[in-house]
Protein backbone atom coordinates (compact mmCIF):
# COMPACT_ATOMS: atom_id res chain seq x y z
CA UNK A 1 79.68 6.79 32.14
CA UNK A 2 83.21 5.45 31.75
CA UNK A 3 86.28 6.91 33.43
CA UNK A 4 87.72 7.50 29.95
CA UNK A 5 84.82 9.96 29.37
CA UNK A 6 85.43 11.92 32.59
CA UNK A 7 86.81 15.42 33.05
CA UNK A 8 90.10 16.42 34.67
CA UNK A 9 90.17 17.52 38.31
CA UNK A 10 86.75 16.15 39.14
CA UNK A 11 85.99 13.47 41.71
CA UNK A 12 83.83 10.56 40.62
CA UNK A 13 82.44 7.55 42.42
CA UNK A 14 83.31 4.12 41.06
CA UNK A 15 80.14 2.20 40.28
CA UNK A 16 81.62 -0.97 38.80
CA UNK A 17 84.52 -2.54 36.95
CA UNK A 18 83.22 -4.04 33.71
CA UNK A 19 85.58 -6.13 31.58
CA UNK A 20 85.64 -9.54 29.97
CA UNK A 21 89.29 -10.01 30.96
CA UNK A 22 89.49 -11.41 34.48
CA UNK A 23 93.16 -10.40 34.78
CA UNK A 24 92.29 -6.77 34.10
CA UNK A 25 89.49 -6.85 36.67
CA UNK A 26 91.79 -8.36 39.30
CA UNK A 27 94.48 -5.76 38.55
CA UNK A 28 92.04 -2.87 38.99
CA UNK A 29 90.73 -4.38 42.21
CA UNK A 30 94.30 -4.61 43.58
CA UNK A 31 94.60 -0.84 42.96
CA UNK A 32 91.46 -0.30 45.04
CA UNK A 33 88.87 0.19 42.28
CA UNK A 34 85.89 -0.95 44.32
CA UNK A 35 82.32 0.31 43.96
CA UNK A 36 81.78 3.33 46.22
CA UNK A 37 85.41 4.51 46.14
CA UNK A 38 86.27 8.01 44.90
CA UNK A 39 88.54 8.43 41.89
CA UNK A 40 89.81 11.71 40.41
CA UNK A 41 91.31 12.23 36.96
CA UNK A 42 94.34 14.44 37.55
CA UNK A 43 95.45 14.65 33.93
CA UNK A 44 95.00 13.05 30.54
CA UNK A 45 97.97 12.76 28.21
CA UNK A 46 97.07 11.19 24.86
CA UNK A 47 95.59 7.83 25.87
CA UNK A 48 97.09 7.82 29.40
CA UNK A 49 95.10 8.85 32.47
CA UNK A 50 96.76 9.90 35.71
CA UNK A 51 94.28 9.27 38.51
CA UNK A 52 94.14 9.69 42.25
CA UNK A 53 92.64 6.71 44.06
CA UNK A 54 92.87 6.11 47.80
CA UNK A 55 95.62 8.74 48.31
CA UNK A 56 97.80 7.22 45.57
CA UNK A 57 98.45 8.21 41.97
CA UNK A 58 98.26 5.72 39.12
CA UNK A 59 98.70 5.90 35.37
CA UNK A 60 96.04 3.97 33.47
CA UNK A 61 95.84 3.38 29.74
CA UNK A 62 92.61 3.98 27.88
CA UNK A 63 91.63 0.30 27.97
CA UNK A 64 91.82 0.22 31.78
CA UNK A 65 90.04 3.59 32.10
CA UNK A 66 87.24 2.34 29.86
CA UNK A 67 86.65 -0.65 32.14
CA UNK A 68 85.83 1.59 35.14
CA UNK A 69 82.21 2.71 35.25
CA UNK A 70 81.78 5.93 37.24
CA UNK A 71 79.04 8.22 38.43
CA UNK A 72 78.94 11.74 39.72
CA UNK A 73 78.29 12.46 43.37
CA UNK A 74 74.80 13.77 42.61
CA UNK A 75 73.86 10.49 40.89
CA UNK A 76 74.80 8.50 43.99
CA UNK A 77 72.63 10.72 46.21
CA UNK A 78 69.61 10.06 43.99
CA UNK A 79 70.14 6.30 44.24
CA UNK A 80 70.39 6.39 48.05
């Protein structure tokens, strides 16, 4: 599932950052979008997503949010 498909006020676990643009990938990694990190969608306004990641808030556009592949906490438990 992509972050752009997620629900507000729910914590997800980042599984991967998938994009063909290396600059976008590097930008998301500088924000702390690493596999295993928790990310929460605080609000969605049109095509903007306000997220909480590592005790910081960021505004991501839909293109950035679509590059972040997420899973729910239950999915991670099944994998482990």
